[in-house]
PDB file of N, CA and C in Angstrom:
ATOM      1  N   MET A   1     -85.006 -12.596  -5.193  1.00  0.00           N
ATOM      2  CA  MET A   1     -86.025 -13.307  -4.453  1.00  0.00           C
ATOM      3  C   MET A   1     -85.472 -14.634  -3.959  1.00  0.00           C
ATOM      4  N   ALA A   2     -85.809 -15.005  -2.736  1.00  0.00           N
ATOM      5  CA  ALA A   2     -85.304 -16.238  -2.132  1.00  0.00           C
ATOM      6  C   ALA A   2     -85.946 -17.455  -2.789  1.00  0.00           C
ATOM      7  N   LYS A   3     -85.125 -18.447  -3.098  1.00  0.00           N
ATOM      8  CA  LYS A   3     -85.597 -19.705  -3.657  1.00  0.00           C
ATOM      9  C   LYS A   3     -85.854 -20.667  -2.504  1.00  0.00           C
ATOM     10  N   LEU A   4     -87.099 -21.113  -2.349  1.00  0.00           N
ATOM     11  CA  LEU A   4     -87.477 -22.027  -1.288  1.00  0.00           C
ATOM     12  C   LEU A   4     -87.678 -23.426  -1.848  1.00  0.00           C
ATOM     13  N   VAL A   5     -87.230 -24.432  -1.100  1.00  0.00           N
ATOM     14  CA  VAL A   5     -87.371 -25.830  -1.510  1.00  0.00           C
ATOM     15  C   VAL A   5     -88.102 -26.586  -0.407  1.00  0.00           C
ATOM     16  N   ASN A   6     -89.065 -27.407  -0.800  1.00  0.00           N
ATOM     17  CA  ASN A   6     -89.832 -28.213   0.139  1.00  0.00           C
ATOM     18  C   ASN A   6     -88.941 -29.325   0.688  1.00  0.00           C
ATOM     19  N   ILE A   7     -88.870 -29.412   2.020  1.00  0.00           N
ATOM     20  CA  ILE A   7     -88.078 -30.469   2.659  1.00  0.00           C
ATOM     21  C   ILE A   7     -88.975 -31.488   3.360  1.00  0.00           C
ATOM     22  N   GLY A   8     -90.262 -31.438   3.038  1.00  0.00           N
ATOM     23  CA  GLY A   8     -91.194 -32.422   3.561  1.00  0.00           C
ATOM     24  C   GLY A   8     -92.212 -31.847   4.522  1.00  0.00           C
ATOM     25  N   PHE A   9     -93.452 -32.342   4.417  1.00  0.00           N
ATOM     26  CA  PHE A   9     -94.541 -32.008   5.318  1.00  0.00           C
ATOM     27  C   PHE A   9     -94.841 -30.514   5.354  1.00  0.00           C
ATOM     28  N   GLY A  10     -94.710 -29.861   4.220  1.00  0.00           N
ATOM     29  CA  GLY A  10     -95.031 -28.441   4.129  1.00  0.00           C
ATOM     30  C   GLY A  10     -93.942 -27.518   4.639  1.00  0.00           C
ATOM     31  N   ASN A  11     -92.804 -28.060   5.012  1.00  0.00           N
ATOM     32  CA  ASN A  11     -91.684 -27.249   5.486  1.00  0.00           C
ATOM     33  C   ASN A  11     -90.785 -26.904   4.308  1.00  0.00           C
ATOM     34  N   VAL A  12     -90.277 -25.681   4.308  1.00  0.00           N
ATOM     35  CA  VAL A  12     -89.402 -25.235   3.226  1.00  0.00           C
ATOM     36  C   VAL A  12     -88.134 -24.621   3.802  1.00  0.00           C
ATOM     37  N   VAL A  13     -87.091 -24.591   2.979  1.00  0.00           N
ATOM     38  CA  VAL A  13     -85.828 -23.993   3.379  1.00  0.00           C
ATOM     39  C   VAL A  13     -85.341 -23.087   2.257  1.00  0.00           C
ATOM     40  N   ASN A  14     -84.699 -21.989   2.644  1.00  0.00           N
ATOM     41  CA  ASN A  14     -84.104 -21.051   1.699  1.00  0.00           C
ATOM     42  C   ASN A  14     -82.822 -21.676   1.156  1.00  0.00           C
ATOM     43  N   VAL A  15     -82.773 -21.936  -0.130  1.00  0.00           N
ATOM     44  CA  VAL A  15     -81.635 -22.616  -0.754  1.00  0.00           C
ATOM     45  C   VAL A  15     -80.328 -21.848  -0.546  1.00  0.00           C
ATOM     46  N   SER A  16     -80.380 -20.541  -0.530  1.00  0.00           N
ATOM     47  CA  SER A  16     -79.156 -19.753  -0.384  1.00  0.00           C
ATOM     48  C   SER A  16     -78.539 -19.885   1.003  1.00  0.00           C
ATOM     49  N   LYS A  17     -79.263 -20.409   1.977  1.00  0.00           N
ATOM     50  CA  LYS A  17     -78.750 -20.601   3.340  1.00  0.00           C
ATOM     51  C   LYS A  17     -78.202 -22.003   3.576  1.00  0.00           C
ATOM     52  N   VAL A  18     -78.390 -22.912   2.614  1.00  0.00           N
ATOM     53  CA  VAL A  18     -77.963 -24.301   2.774  1.00  0.00           C
ATOM     54  C   VAL A  18     -76.484 -24.440   2.466  1.00  0.00           C
ATOM     55  N   PHE A  19     -75.778 -25.065   3.402  1.00  0.00           N
ATOM     56  CA  PHE A  19     -74.348 -25.298   3.243  1.00  0.00           C
ATOM     57  C   PHE A  19     -74.096 -26.723   2.763  1.00  0.00           C
ATOM     58  N   ALA A  20     -74.831 -27.702   3.333  1.00  0.00           N
ATOM     59  CA  ALA A  20     -74.652 -29.108   2.962  1.00  0.00           C
ATOM     60  C   ALA A  20     -75.883 -29.907   3.357  1.00  0.00           C
ATOM     61  N   VAL A  21     -76.098 -31.027   2.661  1.00  0.00           N
ATOM     62  CA  VAL A  21     -77.165 -31.975   2.993  1.00  0.00           C
ATOM     63  C   VAL A  21     -76.496 -33.335   3.120  1.00  0.00           C
ATOM     64  N   VAL A  22     -76.601 -33.944   4.317  1.00  0.00           N
ATOM     65  CA  VAL A  22     -75.891 -35.196   4.572  1.00  0.00           C
ATOM     66  C   VAL A  22     -76.809 -36.245   5.184  1.00  0.00           C
ATOM     67  N   ASN A  23     -76.358 -37.491   5.124  1.00  0.00           N
ATOM     68  CA  ASN A  23     -77.043 -38.625   5.727  1.00  0.00           C
ATOM     69  C   ASN A  23     -76.699 -38.648   7.219  1.00  0.00           C
ATOM     70  N   PRO A  24     -77.672 -38.863   8.106  1.00  0.00           N
ATOM     71  CA  PRO A  24     -77.406 -38.804   9.548  1.00  0.00           C
ATOM     72  C   PRO A  24     -76.885 -40.091  10.177  1.00  0.00           C
ATOM     73  N   ASP A  25     -76.581 -41.107   9.388  1.00  0.00           N
ATOM     74  CA  ASP A  25     -76.220 -42.407   9.945  1.00  0.00           C
ATOM     75  C   ASP A  25     -74.800 -42.492  10.507  1.00  0.00           C
ATOM     76  N   ALA A  26     -73.899 -41.631  10.088  1.00  0.00           N
ATOM     77  CA  ALA A  26     -72.518 -41.684  10.564  1.00  0.00           C
ATOM     78  C   ALA A  26     -72.426 -41.185  12.012  1.00  0.00           C
ATOM     79  N   ALA A  27     -71.577 -41.815  12.784  1.00  0.00           N
ATOM     80  CA  ALA A  27     -71.419 -41.465  14.203  1.00  0.00           C
ATOM     81  C   ALA A  27     -71.040 -39.992  14.413  1.00  0.00           C
ATOM     82  N   PRO A  28     -70.132 -39.423  13.615  1.00  0.00           N
ATOM     83  CA  PRO A  28     -69.801 -38.005  13.832  1.00  0.00           C
ATOM     84  C   PRO A  28     -71.000 -37.072  13.606  1.00  0.00           C
ATOM     85  N   ILE A  29     -71.852 -37.409  12.658  1.00  0.00           N
ATOM     86  CA  ILE A  29     -73.047 -36.594  12.393  1.00  0.00           C
ATOM     87  C   ILE A  29     -74.011 -36.709  13.573  1.00  0.00           C
ATOM     88  N   LYS A  30     -74.166 -37.920  14.110  1.00  0.00           N
ATOM     89  CA  LYS A  30     -75.033 -38.116  15.273  1.00  0.00           C
ATOM     90  C   LYS A  30     -74.531 -37.292  16.464  1.00  0.00           C
ATOM     91  N   ARG A  31     -73.203 -37.260  16.650  1.00  0.00           N
ATOM     92  CA  ARG A  31     -72.639 -36.445  17.744  1.00  0.00           C
ATOM     93  C   ARG A  31     -72.880 -34.961  17.504  1.00  0.00           C
ATOM     94  N   MET A  32     -72.766 -34.538  16.259  1.00  0.00           N
ATOM     95  CA  MET A  32     -73.022 -33.128  15.933  1.00  0.00           C
ATOM     96  C   MET A  32     -74.469 -32.755  16.213  1.00  0.00           C
ATOM     97  N   ILE A  33     -75.400 -33.652  15.873  1.00  0.00           N
ATOM     98  CA  ILE A  33     -76.818 -33.398  16.124  1.00  0.00           C
ATOM     99  C   ILE A  33     -77.064 -33.275  17.626  1.00  0.00           C
ATOM    100  N   GLN A  34     -76.506 -34.198  18.404  1.00  0.00           N
ATOM    101  CA  GLN A  34     -76.702 -34.168  19.853  1.00  0.00           C
ATOM    102  C   GLN A  34     -76.133 -32.886  20.457  1.00  0.00           C
ATOM    103  N   SER A  35     -74.952 -32.515  20.027  1.00  0.00           N
ATOM    104  CA  SER A  35     -74.329 -31.285  20.522  1.00  0.00           C
ATOM    105  C   SER A  35     -75.165 -30.061  20.154  1.00  0.00           C
ATOM    106  N   ALA A  36     -75.645 -30.023  18.923  1.00  0.00           N
ATOM    107  CA  ALA A  36     -76.462 -28.895  18.473  1.00  0.00           C
ATOM    108  C   ALA A  36     -77.790 -28.845  19.223  1.00  0.00           C
ATOM    109  N   ARG A  37     -78.365 -30.006  19.536  1.00  0.00           N
ATOM    110  CA  ARG A  37     -79.606 -30.051  20.332  1.00  0.00           C
ATOM    111  C   ARG A  37     -79.392 -29.408  21.698  1.00  0.00           C
ATOM    112  N   GLU A  38     -78.294 -29.770  22.331  1.00  0.00           N
ATOM    113  CA  GLU A  38     -77.979 -29.229  23.654  1.00  0.00           C
ATOM    114  C   GLU A  38     -77.783 -27.716  23.616  1.00  0.00           C
ATOM    115  N   GLU A  39     -77.267 -27.216  22.499  1.00  0.00           N
ATOM    116  CA  GLU A  39     -77.017 -25.782  22.345  1.00  0.00           C
ATOM    117  C   GLU A  39     -78.208 -25.040  21.755  1.00  0.00           C
ATOM    118  N   GLY A  40     -79.272 -25.764  21.398  1.00  0.00           N
ATOM    119  CA  GLY A  40     -80.461 -25.129  20.843  1.00  0.00           C
ATOM    120  C   GLY A  40     -80.312 -24.672  19.407  1.00  0.00           C
ATOM    121  N   ARG A  41     -79.473 -25.372  18.635  1.00  0.00           N
ATOM    122  CA  ARG A  41     -79.225 -24.999  17.241  1.00  0.00           C
ATOM    123  C   ARG A  41     -79.894 -25.934  16.246  1.00  0.00           C
ATOM    124  N   VAL A  42     -80.797 -26.813  16.718  1.00  0.00           N
ATOM    125  CA  VAL A  42     -81.458 -27.787  15.841  1.00  0.00           C
ATOM    126  C   VAL A  42     -82.876 -27.323  15.520  1.00  0.00           C
ATOM    127  N   ILE A  43     -83.214 -27.405  14.242  1.00  0.00           N
ATOM    128  CA  ILE A  43     -84.585 -27.181  13.785  1.00  0.00           C
ATOM    129  C   ILE A  43     -85.080 -28.540  13.309  1.00  0.00           C
ATOM    130  N   ASP A  44     -86.081 -29.082  14.005  1.00  0.00           N
ATOM    131  CA  ASP A  44     -86.580 -30.416  13.687  1.00  0.00           C
ATOM    132  C   ASP A  44     -87.825 -30.302  12.804  1.00  0.00           C
ATOM    133  N   ALA A  45     -87.678 -30.656  11.537  1.00  0.00           N
ATOM    134  CA  ALA A  45     -88.787 -30.599  10.576  1.00  0.00           C
ATOM    135  C   ALA A  45     -89.228 -31.999  10.170  1.00  0.00           C
ATOM    136  N   THR A  46     -89.007 -32.982  11.050  1.00  0.00           N
ATOM    137  CA  THR A  46     -89.333 -34.366  10.721  1.00  0.00           C
ATOM    138  C   THR A  46     -90.778 -34.735  11.037  1.00  0.00           C
ATOM    139  N   GLN A  47     -91.484 -33.909  11.774  1.00  0.00           N
ATOM    140  CA  GLN A  47     -92.866 -34.189  12.188  1.00  0.00           C
ATOM    141  C   GLN A  47     -92.956 -35.523  12.915  1.00  0.00           C
ATOM    142  N   GLY A  48     -91.962 -35.845  13.741  1.00  0.00           N
ATOM    143  CA  GLY A  48     -91.973 -37.060  14.540  1.00  0.00           C
ATOM    144  C   GLY A  48     -91.489 -38.309  13.826  1.00  0.00           C
ATOM    145  N   ARG A  49     -91.103 -38.172  12.588  1.00  0.00           N
ATOM    146  CA  ARG A  49     -90.618 -39.333  11.832  1.00  0.00           C
ATOM    147  C   ARG A  49     -89.100 -39.466  11.972  1.00  0.00           C
ATOM    148  N   LYS A  50     -88.564 -40.539  11.427  1.00  0.00           N
ATOM    149  CA  LYS A  50     -87.129 -40.785  11.495  1.00  0.00           C
ATOM    150  C   LYS A  50     -86.376 -39.739  10.669  1.00  0.00           C
ATOM    151  N   THR A  51     -85.278 -39.247  11.223  1.00  0.00           N
ATOM    152  CA  THR A  51     -84.430 -38.291  10.509  1.00  0.00           C
ATOM    153  C   THR A  51     -83.652 -39.027   9.428  1.00  0.00           C
ATOM    154  N   LYS A  52     -83.826 -38.592   8.188  1.00  0.00           N
ATOM    155  CA  LYS A  52     -83.116 -39.219   7.069  1.00  0.00           C
ATOM    156  C   LYS A  52     -82.125 -38.275   6.414  1.00  0.00           C
ATOM    157  N   ALA A  53     -82.214 -36.969   6.737  1.00  0.00           N
ATOM    158  CA  ALA A  53     -81.269 -35.998   6.180  1.00  0.00           C
ATOM    159  C   ALA A  53     -81.012 -34.911   7.203  1.00  0.00           C
ATOM    160  N   VAL A  54     -79.771 -34.461   7.242  1.00  0.00           N
ATOM    161  CA  VAL A  54     -79.382 -33.330   8.076  1.00  0.00           C
ATOM    162  C   VAL A  54     -78.923 -32.235   7.127  1.00  0.00           C
ATOM    163  N   ILE A  55     -79.538 -31.076   7.253  1.00  0.00           N
ATOM    164  CA  ILE A  55     -79.199 -29.940   6.402  1.00  0.00           C
ATOM    165  C   ILE A  55     -78.426 -28.943   7.245  1.00  0.00           C
ATOM    166  N   PHE A  56     -77.193 -28.670   6.842  1.00  0.00           N
ATOM    167  CA  PHE A  56     -76.373 -27.691   7.545  1.00  0.00           C
ATOM    168  C   PHE A  56     -76.669 -26.314   6.965  1.00  0.00           C
ATOM    169  N   LEU A  57     -77.007 -25.376   7.834  1.00  0.00           N
ATOM    170  CA  LEU A  57     -77.323 -24.020   7.415  1.00  0.00           C
ATOM    171  C   LEU A  57     -76.171 -23.083   7.759  1.00  0.00           C
ATOM    172  N   GLN A  58     -76.119 -21.952   7.086  1.00  0.00           N
ATOM    173  CA  GLN A  58     -75.018 -21.012   7.253  1.00  0.00           C
ATOM    174  C   GLN A  58     -74.877 -20.461   8.667  1.00  0.00           C
ATOM    175  N   GLU A  59     -75.956 -20.232   9.365  1.00  0.00           N
ATOM    176  CA  GLU A  59     -75.882 -19.647  10.693  1.00  0.00           C
ATOM    177  C   GLU A  59     -75.580 -20.684  11.772  1.00  0.00           C
ATOM    178  N   ASN A  60     -74.837 -21.742  11.414  1.00  0.00           N
ATOM    179  CA  ASN A  60     -74.417 -22.782  12.347  1.00  0.00           C
ATOM    180  C   ASN A  60     -75.605 -23.509  12.975  1.00  0.00           C
ATOM    181  N   GLN A  61     -76.656 -23.693  12.192  1.00  0.00           N
ATOM    182  CA  GLN A  61     -77.820 -24.434  12.639  1.00  0.00           C
ATOM    183  C   GLN A  61     -77.940 -25.718  11.830  1.00  0.00           C
ATOM    184  N   LEU A  62     -78.606 -26.707  12.425  1.00  0.00           N
ATOM    185  CA  LEU A  62     -78.868 -27.967  11.739  1.00  0.00           C
ATOM    186  C   LEU A  62     -80.369 -28.102  11.566  1.00  0.00           C
ATOM    187  N   LEU A  63     -80.770 -28.497  10.377  1.00  0.00           N
ATOM    188  CA  LEU A  63     -82.169 -28.701  10.058  1.00  0.00           C
ATOM    189  C   LEU A  63     -82.359 -30.184   9.775  1.00  0.00           C
ATOM    190  N   LEU A  64     -83.245 -30.833  10.524  1.00  0.00           N
ATOM    191  CA  LEU A  64     -83.489 -32.268  10.362  1.00  0.00           C
ATOM    192  C   LEU A  64     -84.704 -32.484   9.483  1.00  0.00           C
ATOM    193  N   SER A  65     -84.592 -33.399   8.523  1.00  0.00           N
ATOM    194  CA  SER A  65     -85.682 -33.686   7.600  1.00  0.00           C
ATOM    195  C   SER A  65     -85.929 -35.182   7.527  1.00  0.00           C
ATOM    196  N   ALA A  66     -87.172 -35.545   7.239  1.00  0.00           N
ATOM    197  CA  ALA A  66     -87.534 -36.956   7.084  1.00  0.00           C
ATOM    198  C   ALA A  66     -87.401 -37.420   5.639  1.00  0.00           C
ATOM    199  N   LEU A  67     -86.952 -36.543   4.747  1.00  0.00           N
ATOM    200  CA  LEU A  67     -86.718 -36.923   3.350  1.00  0.00           C
ATOM    201  C   LEU A  67     -85.269 -37.358   3.176  1.00  0.00           C
ATOM    202  N   GLN A  68     -85.040 -38.201   2.174  1.00  0.00           N
ATOM    203  CA  GLN A  68     -83.682 -38.647   1.850  1.00  0.00           C
ATOM    204  C   GLN A  68     -82.854 -37.461   1.328  1.00  0.00           C
ATOM    205  N   PRO A  69     -81.552 -37.440   1.603  1.00  0.00           N
ATOM    206  CA  PRO A  69     -80.693 -36.371   1.081  1.00  0.00           C
ATOM    207  C   PRO A  69     -80.763 -36.258  -0.446  1.00  0.00           C
ATOM    208  N   GLU A  70     -80.883 -37.403  -1.127  1.00  0.00           N
ATOM    209  CA  GLU A  70     -80.949 -37.393  -2.589  1.00  0.00           C
ATOM    210  C   GLU A  70     -82.191 -36.663  -3.081  1.00  0.00           C
ATOM    211  N   THR A  71     -83.309 -36.862  -2.386  1.00  0.00           N
ATOM    212  CA  THR A  71     -84.561 -36.203  -2.761  1.00  0.00           C
ATOM    213  C   THR A  71     -84.432 -34.693  -2.613  1.00  0.00           C
ATOM    214  N   ILE A  72     -83.850 -34.273  -1.506  1.00  0.00           N
ATOM    215  CA  ILE A  72     -83.668 -32.835  -1.267  1.00  0.00           C
ATOM    216  C   ILE A  72     -82.718 -32.246  -2.306  1.00  0.00           C
ATOM    217  N   ALA A  73     -81.641 -32.959  -2.594  1.00  0.00           N
ATOM    218  CA  ALA A  73     -80.675 -32.478  -3.582  1.00  0.00           C
ATOM    219  C   ALA A  73     -81.314 -32.343  -4.960  1.00  0.00           C
ATOM    220  N   LYS A  74     -82.147 -33.316  -5.339  1.00  0.00           N
ATOM    221  CA  LYS A  74     -82.834 -33.237  -6.636  1.00  0.00           C
ATOM    222  C   LYS A  74     -83.755 -32.029  -6.692  1.00  0.00           C
ATOM    223  N   ARG A  75     -84.475 -31.785  -5.601  1.00  0.00           N
ATOM    224  CA  ARG A  75     -85.370 -30.631  -5.571  1.00  0.00           C
ATOM    225  C   ARG A  75     -84.590 -29.332  -5.659  1.00  0.00           C
ATOM    226  N   MET A  76     -83.436 -29.284  -5.010  1.00  0.00           N
ATOM    227  CA  MET A  76     -82.604 -28.077  -5.063  1.00  0.00           C
ATOM    228  C   MET A  76     -82.031 -27.876  -6.463  1.00  0.00           C
ATOM    229  N   SER A  77     -81.556 -28.958  -7.076  1.00  0.00           N
ATOM    230  CA  SER A  77     -80.960 -28.823  -8.404  1.00  0.00           C
ATOM    231  C   SER A  77     -82.027 -28.539  -9.456  1.00  0.00           C
ATOM    232  N   ALA A  78     -83.234 -29.070  -9.277  1.00  0.00           N
ATOM    233  CA  ALA A  78     -84.321 -28.773 -10.212  1.00  0.00           C
ATOM    234  C   ALA A  78     -84.646 -27.292 -10.165  1.00  0.00           C
ATOM    235  N   GLY A  79     -84.617 -26.713  -8.988  1.00  0.00           N
ATOM    236  CA  GLY A  79     -84.858 -25.285  -8.849  1.00  0.00           C
ATOM    237  C   GLY A  79     -83.771 -24.472  -9.521  1.00  0.00           C
ATOM    238  N   ALA A  80     -82.523 -24.933  -9.429  1.00  0.00           N
ATOM    239  CA  ALA A  80     -81.408 -24.230 -10.064  1.00  0.00           C
ATOM    240  C   ALA A  80     -81.536 -24.297 -11.581  1.00  0.00           C
ATOM    241  N   GLU A  81     -81.973 -25.450 -12.108  1.00  0.00           N
ATOM    242  CA  GLU A  81     -82.154 -25.587 -13.553  1.00  0.00           C
ATOM    243  C   GLU A  81     -83.261 -24.654 -14.046  1.00  0.00           C
ATOM    244  N   ASP A  82     -84.345 -24.533 -13.276  1.00  0.00           N
ATOM    245  CA  ASP A  82     -85.435 -23.633 -13.635  1.00  0.00           C
ATOM    246  C   ASP A  82     -84.943 -22.183 -13.660  1.00  0.00           C
ATOM    247  N   GLU A  83     -84.096 -21.845 -12.689  1.00  0.00           N
ATOM    248  CA  GLU A  83     -83.545 -20.491 -12.625  1.00  0.00           C
ATOM    249  C   GLU A  83     -82.698 -20.206 -13.864  1.00  0.00           C
ATOM    250  N   ILE A  84     -81.866 -21.164 -14.249  1.00  0.00           N
ATOM    251  CA  ILE A  84     -80.992 -20.984 -15.407  1.00  0.00           C
ATOM    252  C   ILE A  84     -81.840 -20.823 -16.674  1.00  0.00           C
ATOM    253  N   ARG A  85     -82.865 -21.665 -16.814  1.00  0.00           N
ATOM    254  CA  ARG A  85     -83.738 -21.557 -17.988  1.00  0.00           C
ATOM    255  C   ARG A  85     -84.437 -20.198 -18.023  1.00  0.00           C
ATOM    256  N   GLY A  86     -84.849 -19.717 -16.872  1.00  0.00           N
ATOM    257  CA  GLY A  86     -85.507 -18.419 -16.791  1.00  0.00           C
ATOM    258  C   GLY A  86     -84.588 -17.293 -17.205  1.00  0.00           C
ATOM    259  N   GLU A  87     -83.298 -17.368 -16.820  1.00  0.00           N
ATOM    260  CA  GLU A  87     -82.327 -16.342 -17.206  1.00  0.00           C
ATOM    261  C   GLU A  87     -82.082 -16.371 -18.706  1.00  0.00           C
ATOM    262  N   GLU A  88     -82.073 -17.576 -19.298  1.00  0.00           N
ATOM    263  CA  GLU A  88     -81.826 -17.694 -20.729  1.00  0.00           C
ATOM    264  C   GLU A  88     -82.984 -17.102 -21.543  1.00  0.00           C
ATOM    265  N   ASN A  89     -84.202 -17.196 -21.011  1.00  0.00           N
ATOM    266  CA  ASN A  89     -85.378 -16.688 -21.724  1.00  0.00           C
ATOM    267  C   ASN A  89     -85.536 -15.186 -21.611  1.00  0.00           C
ATOM    268  N   GLU A  90     -84.827 -14.549 -20.709  1.00  0.00           N
ATOM    269  CA  GLU A  90     -84.988 -13.090 -20.528  1.00  0.00           C
ATOM    270  C   GLU A  90     -84.266 -12.306 -21.594  1.00  0.00           C
TER     271      GLU A  90
END
């Protein structure tokens, strides 16, 4: 079963499709976002707010979130810990 993590405002992402979660402030990341926008590879889940995290997905898509990368990472790792605990109890 796919593990989904909330990335803000009711939007979720499949953890198994996530390649990386990065801060969008670096110039190379900004260029990547612009290039991906032009190619139609951006999924904007910010609901009009400032982009605080860029999530790289396996299918060469970028997912923009208004949550901090640390928050998303904690939610992803919390889900992994729950999975491990569940396997130990079986």
